[in-house]
Amino acid sequence: MIIFLYGPDTYRSQQKLNKIAGNYKKIHKTGLNFSTIDFKESDFDNFKQIIESCSIFKEKKLIVFKNLFSSDENTIQRLSDYLEKSNLAFSREEIIIIYEKDCLHPEFKGIKKTLFEKLIKRAKFQEFKLLEGPELKNWIKKEFSDKNIQINSEALEKIIFYVGNDLWRMSNEIQKLILFKNGKEKIIGEKDIDLLVRPRIDANIFKTIDAVANKNKKLALQLINEHIENGETGGYILSMILWQIRNLVKVKTLSQSLNKIQIQRKDRMAKKLKLHPYVVEKTLKESLKFTMEELKKIYQKILEVDYKMKTGKIKPKTAINLFIAEIC
């Protein structure tokens, strides 16, 4: 039997691999017929030796292939021919798991494409795509509910905005929140996310833009310097401001043509602009404080400051502080 596990969501594919290996070890106690072949370190001859060796125990063999599609074409060709001639796909004596972390099959050519197509036709396969939308939300809610903890809708939106669909990191953040709630109220709220989860996109950018909108130069400069003290570069800070100014322009332009009911506008805009609903919600509130002309001037100023920093005409910290002073 051949099982083919592939796709960019390595967290779930690794869980599936661990589950198959765990079930095998429960039945076959010795573990002597369980092998892992990493084709970054091994070759076809090593595989052939393992598959053709006789066992003193009457146990099935479980062989895990890793990084097969990263090996050279000669190895892939020999293995492809062997799998076809030996009819291993229908064998009851051996279980072969081909585990690929980043199987970018649309980009495959030649023998890699041929092998991929053979596996899809003959093996039991499962593709692990990155979770999005409702699937990601349901996965997160289940991870909490398995520990008898709930997460409210606002907190769910925020943790997805903060972490994205990196399930390795998401799992760590969920475990952190579960431990924090041990013996306390069993509901995760927005305050818990803000306290324990560091956003992948710095959420403080909203506070900075809000300070600019309110012409609060002192607060805006304070927030900018907090970014700098946290080790963020001038280029990064400027890119975050530019990212949000672009969002403000998009949201302000689109909001004028949509339904005036806030919740309907938010959902429709998030889908149309391909932004997270949390970003749209925050940006909608900020957009009311700017005219389109003001946003265009800030955008132009960002481009000027970025050029001066990249050409070495001004130091990043000085450039950012002058930028804030001029637009407030």
Protein backbone atom coordinates (compact mmCIF):
# COMPACT_ATOMS: atom_id res chain seq x y z
CA MET A 1 0.00 0.00 0.00
CA ILE A 2 1.22 3.51 -0.82
CA ILE A 3 -0.06 6.58 0.99
CA PHE A 4 0.82 9.99 -0.44
CA LEU A 5 0.60 12.99 1.92
CA TYR A 6 1.47 16.42 0.53
CA GLY A 7 0.68 20.12 0.61
CA PRO A 8 1.72 23.40 2.27
CA ASP A 9 -0.15 22.83 5.56
CA THR A 10 2.63 20.83 7.20
CA TYR A 11 1.00 20.98 10.65
CA ARG A 12 -1.99 18.85 9.66
CA SER A 13 0.03 16.60 7.33
CA GLN A 14 2.51 15.92 10.14
CA GLN A 15 -0.40 15.10 12.47
CA LYS A 16 -1.72 12.62 9.89
CA LEU A 17 1.72 11.03 9.52
CA ASN A 18 2.09 10.73 13.30
CA LYS A 19 -1.35 9.13 13.58
CA ILE A 20 -0.57 6.46 10.96
CA ALA A 21 2.82 5.71 12.56
CA GLY A 22 1.24 5.60 16.03
CA ASN A 23 -1.43 3.13 14.97
CA TYR A 24 1.22 0.96 13.30
CA LYS A 25 3.34 0.85 16.46
CA LYS A 26 0.36 -0.17 18.58
CA ILE A 27 -0.12 -3.26 16.44
CA HIS A 28 3.52 -4.04 15.63
CA LYS A 29 5.19 -3.78 19.00
CA THR A 30 8.81 -4.43 18.03
CA GLY A 31 9.05 -1.45 15.70
CA LEU A 32 11.90 -3.19 13.86
CA ASN A 33 10.14 -2.94 10.51
CA PHE A 34 9.50 0.80 10.76
CA SER A 35 11.94 2.88 8.71
CA THR A 36 12.27 6.50 7.58
CA ILE A 37 14.18 7.36 4.43
CA ASP A 38 15.09 11.01 3.91
CA PHE A 39 16.16 11.39 0.29
CA LYS A 40 18.30 14.37 1.23
CA GLU A 41 20.55 11.86 3.02
CA SER A 42 19.72 8.47 1.44
CA ASP A 43 19.38 7.13 -2.09
CA PHE A 44 17.45 4.54 -4.10
CA ASP A 45 19.80 1.68 -3.18
CA ASN A 46 19.17 2.32 0.50
CA PHE A 47 15.41 2.07 -0.10
CA LYS A 48 15.77 -1.11 -2.15
CA GLN A 49 17.84 -2.75 0.58
CA ILE A 50 15.20 -1.98 3.21
CA ILE A 51 12.21 -3.06 1.12
CA GLU A 52 13.82 -6.34 0.00
CA SER A 53 15.32 -7.37 3.34
CA CYS A 54 13.67 -10.29 5.11
CA SER A 55 12.25 -9.89 8.60
CA ILE A 56 12.45 -12.50 11.34
CA PHE A 57 9.12 -11.15 12.61
CA LYS A 58 5.83 -11.62 10.79
CA GLU A 59 5.09 -7.93 10.70
CA LYS A 60 4.19 -5.48 7.99
CA LYS A 61 6.84 -2.98 7.00
CA LEU A 62 6.14 0.72 7.34
CA ILE A 63 8.53 2.92 5.34
CA VAL A 64 8.24 6.70 5.32
CA PHE A 65 9.76 8.62 2.40
CA LYS A 66 10.66 12.25 2.99
CA ASN A 67 11.89 14.82 0.45
CA LEU A 68 11.52 12.42 -2.46
CA PHE A 69 10.61 15.20 -4.91
CA SER A 70 13.69 17.15 -3.81
CA SER A 71 16.07 14.36 -4.88
CA ASP A 72 17.80 14.11 -8.26
CA GLU A 73 15.95 12.99 -11.37
CA ASN A 74 17.87 9.70 -11.61
CA THR A 75 16.70 8.65 -8.12
CA ILE A 76 13.11 9.66 -8.88
CA GLN A 77 13.18 7.75 -12.19
CA ARG A 78 14.57 4.55 -10.61
CA LEU A 79 12.09 4.71 -7.75
CA SER A 80 9.17 5.41 -10.09
CA ASP A 81 10.09 2.37 -12.22
CA TYR A 82 10.52 0.17 -9.14
CA LEU A 83 7.17 1.16 -7.62
CA GLU A 84 5.42 0.33 -10.90
CA LYS A 85 7.13 -3.01 -11.54
CA SER A 86 6.92 -4.26 -7.96
CA ASN A 87 3.21 -3.43 -7.68
CA LEU A 88 3.75 -2.06 -4.17
CA ALA A 89 0.62 0.05 -4.47
CA PHE A 90 -1.44 -3.11 -3.97
CA SER A 91 0.85 -4.90 -1.51
CA ARG A 92 -0.49 -5.95 1.90
CA GLU A 93 2.98 -6.65 3.29
CA GLU A 94 4.41 -3.12 3.03
CA ILE A 95 3.01 0.30 3.78
CA ILE A 96 4.89 3.13 2.10
CA ILE A 97 4.12 6.71 3.06
CA ILE A 98 5.43 9.38 0.73
CA TYR A 99 5.47 12.56 2.80
CA GLU A 100 6.15 15.85 1.03
CA LYS A 101 6.16 19.14 2.93
CA ASP A 102 6.10 21.44 -0.09
CA CYS A 103 4.77 19.52 -3.03
CA LEU A 104 4.26 22.29 -5.59
CA HIS A 105 2.79 19.95 -8.19
CA PRO A 106 1.65 22.62 -10.69
CA GLU A 107 5.34 23.49 -11.13
CA PHE A 108 6.46 19.89 -11.73
CA LYS A 109 7.92 18.95 -15.07
CA GLY A 110 9.41 15.81 -16.57
CA ILE A 111 9.85 12.80 -14.29
CA LYS A 112 8.59 14.67 -11.21
CA LYS A 113 5.29 15.37 -12.96
CA THR A 114 5.11 11.75 -14.15
CA LEU A 115 5.69 10.38 -10.64
CA PHE A 116 3.15 12.77 -9.13
CA GLU A 117 0.49 11.69 -11.63
CA LYS A 118 1.25 8.00 -10.98
CA LEU A 119 0.85 8.50 -7.23
CA ILE A 120 -2.46 10.31 -7.61
CA LYS A 121 -3.78 7.44 -9.75
CA ARG A 122 -2.44 4.50 -7.73
CA ALA A 123 -1.89 5.61 -4.15
CA LYS A 124 -4.20 6.69 -1.38
CA PHE A 125 -3.50 10.41 -1.29
CA GLN A 126 -4.44 13.47 0.74
CA GLU A 127 -3.58 17.07 -0.06
CA PHE A 128 -3.24 19.45 2.87
CA LYS A 129 -4.09 22.94 1.71
CA LEU A 130 -3.74 25.95 4.00
CA LEU A 131 -6.99 26.51 5.88
CA GLU A 132 -8.94 29.66 5.10
CA GLY A 133 -12.23 31.28 6.13
CA PRO A 134 -14.82 29.05 7.87
CA GLU A 135 -12.52 25.99 7.80
CA LEU A 136 -9.81 27.85 9.74
CA LYS A 137 -12.36 29.22 12.22
CA ASN A 138 -13.85 25.76 12.81
CA TRP A 139 -10.38 24.27 13.34
CA ILE A 140 -9.51 26.89 15.96
CA LYS A 141 -12.85 26.52 17.76
CA LYS A 142 -12.41 22.74 17.89
CA GLU A 143 -8.90 23.07 19.35
CA PHE A 144 -10.37 25.15 22.19
CA SER A 145 -13.54 23.07 22.65
CA ASP A 146 -11.48 19.87 22.97
CA LYS A 147 -10.15 21.45 26.19
CA ASN A 148 -13.64 22.62 27.27
CA ILE A 149 -12.86 26.25 26.47
CA GLN A 150 -14.80 28.56 24.16
CA ILE A 151 -13.62 31.56 22.15
CA ASN A 152 -16.00 34.42 21.36
CA SER A 153 -16.42 35.70 17.81
CA GLU A 154 -14.45 38.93 18.36
CA ALA A 155 -11.48 37.06 19.83
CA LEU A 156 -11.64 34.51 17.01
CA GLU A 157 -11.42 37.24 14.38
CA LYS A 158 -8.54 38.89 16.21
CA ILE A 159 -6.40 35.76 16.70
CA ILE A 160 -6.75 34.95 12.98
CA PHE A 161 -5.71 38.50 12.11
CA TYR A 162 -2.77 38.29 14.53
CA VAL A 163 -1.51 34.81 13.55
CA GLY A 164 -2.95 33.96 10.12
CA ASN A 165 -3.17 30.34 8.97
CA ASP A 166 0.22 29.18 10.23
CA LEU A 167 -1.14 26.27 12.29
CA TRP A 168 2.23 25.58 13.93
CA ARG A 169 2.19 29.02 15.51
CA MET A 170 -1.59 29.00 15.97
CA SER A 171 -1.35 25.75 17.94
CA ASN A 172 1.30 27.26 20.24
CA GLU A 173 -0.82 30.37 20.83
CA ILE A 174 -3.90 28.25 21.56
CA GLN A 175 -1.98 26.15 24.11
CA LYS A 176 -0.72 29.36 25.73
CA LEU A 177 -4.28 30.69 26.03
CA ILE A 178 -5.57 27.36 27.38
CA LEU A 179 -2.91 27.32 30.10
CA PHE A 180 -3.71 30.94 30.95
CA LYS A 181 -7.39 30.05 31.39
CA ASN A 182 -6.65 27.08 33.65
CA GLY A 183 -9.01 27.34 36.62
CA LYS A 184 -10.49 30.62 35.33
CA GLU A 185 -13.52 31.55 33.25
CA LYS A 186 -13.57 29.21 30.25
CA ILE A 187 -14.16 31.84 27.57
CA ILE A 188 -11.40 33.47 25.52
CA GLY A 189 -12.05 37.16 24.81
CA GLU A 190 -10.33 39.97 22.93
CA LYS A 191 -8.44 41.10 26.03
CA ASP A 192 -6.86 37.64 26.35
CA ILE A 193 -5.65 37.80 22.74
CA ASP A 194 -4.18 41.29 23.23
CA LEU A 195 -2.45 40.17 26.43
CA LEU A 196 -0.84 36.96 25.18
CA VAL A 197 -0.64 36.93 21.38
CA ARG A 198 1.83 39.05 19.40
CA PRO A 199 0.39 40.04 16.02
CA ARG A 200 2.25 39.10 12.83
CA ILE A 201 1.14 42.52 11.54
CA ASP A 202 1.70 45.06 14.29
CA ALA A 203 -1.78 46.06 15.48
CA ASN A 204 -0.30 49.24 17.01
CA ILE A 205 -0.26 50.64 13.49
CA PHE A 206 -3.97 51.39 13.97
CA LYS A 207 -3.18 53.43 17.09
CA THR A 208 -0.47 55.33 15.23
CA ILE A 209 -2.73 56.16 12.29
CA ASP A 210 -5.50 57.14 14.71
CA ALA A 211 -3.11 59.56 16.48
CA VAL A 212 -2.21 61.06 13.09
CA ALA A 213 -5.92 61.43 12.21
CA ASN A 214 -6.55 63.24 15.50
CA LYS A 215 -3.53 65.51 14.88
CA ASN A 216 -2.04 64.22 18.14
CA LYS A 217 1.61 64.73 17.23
CA LYS A 218 2.92 63.89 20.71
CA LEU A 219 1.17 60.51 20.86
CA ALA A 220 2.04 59.65 17.25
CA LEU A 221 5.74 60.33 17.88
CA GLN A 222 5.60 58.33 21.12
CA LEU A 223 4.09 55.33 19.30
CA ILE A 224 6.62 55.58 16.47
CA ASN A 225 9.50 55.58 18.97
CA GLU A 226 8.00 52.54 20.69
CA HIS A 227 8.21 50.74 17.35
CA ILE A 228 11.87 51.78 17.03
CA GLU A 229 12.70 50.72 20.61
CA ASN A 230 11.19 47.30 19.85
CA GLY A 231 13.83 46.87 17.16
CA GLU A 232 11.65 47.63 14.13
CA THR A 233 13.47 49.35 11.27
CA GLY A 234 12.47 52.61 9.67
CA GLY A 235 11.68 50.75 6.45
CA TYR A 236 9.37 48.33 8.25
CA ILE A 237 7.54 51.11 10.12
CA LEU A 238 7.07 53.07 6.91
CA SER A 239 5.85 49.98 5.05
CA MET A 240 3.23 49.37 7.76
CA ILE A 241 2.00 52.96 7.56
CA LEU A 242 1.90 52.71 3.76
CA TRP A 243 -0.03 49.41 4.01
CA GLN A 244 -2.68 51.05 6.19
CA ILE A 245 -2.91 54.24 4.12
CA ARG A 246 -3.56 52.08 1.05
CA ASN A 247 -6.27 50.24 2.99
CA LEU A 248 -7.82 53.56 4.01
CA VAL A 249 -7.98 54.71 0.39
CA LYS A 250 -9.52 51.38 -0.73
CA VAL A 251 -12.06 51.26 2.10
CA LYS A 252 -13.04 54.92 1.83
CA THR A 253 -13.55 54.61 -1.93
CA LEU A 254 -15.61 51.43 -1.68
CA SER A 255 -17.64 52.35 1.41
CA GLN A 256 -19.31 55.23 -0.41
CA SER A 257 -20.96 52.85 -2.87
CA LEU A 258 -22.17 50.17 -0.45
CA ASN A 259 -25.06 49.73 1.95
CA LYS A 260 -24.97 52.12 4.88
CA ILE A 261 -25.59 49.38 7.45
CA GLN A 262 -22.19 48.97 9.13
CA ILE A 263 -22.09 45.17 9.49
CA GLN A 264 -23.21 44.58 5.89
CA ARG A 265 -20.64 47.04 4.62
CA LYS A 266 -17.86 45.41 6.65
CA ASP A 267 -18.54 41.87 5.42
CA ARG A 268 -18.98 42.85 1.79
CA MET A 269 -15.92 45.06 1.80
CA ALA A 270 -13.70 42.42 3.41
CA LYS A 271 -14.66 39.94 0.71
CA LYS A 272 -14.29 42.40 -2.17
CA LEU A 273 -10.99 43.91 -1.01
CA LYS A 274 -9.58 40.57 0.20
CA LEU A 275 -8.81 42.04 3.61
CA HIS A 276 -9.43 40.50 7.00
CA PRO A 277 -12.78 41.67 8.53
CA TYR A 278 -10.86 42.91 11.58
CA VAL A 279 -8.74 45.18 9.36
CA VAL A 280 -11.83 46.47 7.55
CA GLU A 281 -13.63 47.19 10.82
CA LYS A 282 -10.70 49.21 12.19
CA THR A 283 -10.07 50.95 8.86
CA LEU A 284 -13.72 51.95 8.42
CA LYS A 285 -13.62 53.88 11.69
CA GLU A 286 -10.33 55.56 10.78
CA SER A 287 -11.47 56.46 7.25
CA LEU A 288 -14.12 58.81 8.63
CA LYS A 289 -11.35 61.02 10.09
CA PHE A 290 -9.56 61.61 6.77
CA THR A 291 -10.51 63.28 3.53
CA MET A 292 -9.36 61.60 0.34
CA GLU A 293 -7.13 64.58 -0.35
CA GLU A 294 -5.38 64.15 3.03
CA LEU A 295 -4.76 60.45 2.34
CA LYS A 296 -3.25 61.23 -1.06
CA LYS A 297 -0.88 63.80 0.49
CA ILE A 298 0.25 61.33 3.18
CA TYR A 299 0.77 58.65 0.54
CA GLN A 300 2.94 61.00 -1.54
CA LYS A 301 4.91 62.00 1.56
CA ILE A 302 5.62 58.34 2.39
CA LEU A 303 7.09 57.80 -1.08
CA GLU A 304 9.34 60.86 -0.64
CA VAL A 305 10.59 59.72 2.79
CA ASP A 306 11.15 56.18 1.55
CA TYR A 307 13.28 57.49 -1.34
CA LYS A 308 15.40 59.66 0.99
CA MET A 309 16.02 56.72 3.36
CA LYS A 310 16.95 54.32 0.59
CA THR A 311 19.35 56.79 -1.02
CA GLY A 312 21.00 57.57 2.33
CA LYS A 313 19.99 61.25 2.31
CA ILE A 314 18.50 60.94 5.78
CA LYS A 315 18.73 58.47 8.67
CA PRO A 316 15.64 56.25 9.12
CA LYS A 317 14.80 57.36 12.69
CA THR A 318 15.11 61.03 11.79
CA ALA A 319 13.09 60.50 8.60
CA ILE A 320 10.22 58.80 10.40
CA ASN A 321 10.04 61.46 13.12
CA LEU A 322 10.09 64.31 10.57
CA PHE A 323 7.43 62.50 8.54
CA ILE A 324 5.08 62.29 11.54
CA ALA A 325 5.78 65.90 12.51
CA GLU A 326 4.87 67.09 9.01
CA ILE A 327 1.63 65.16 8.55
CA CYS A 328 0.17 65.82 12.04
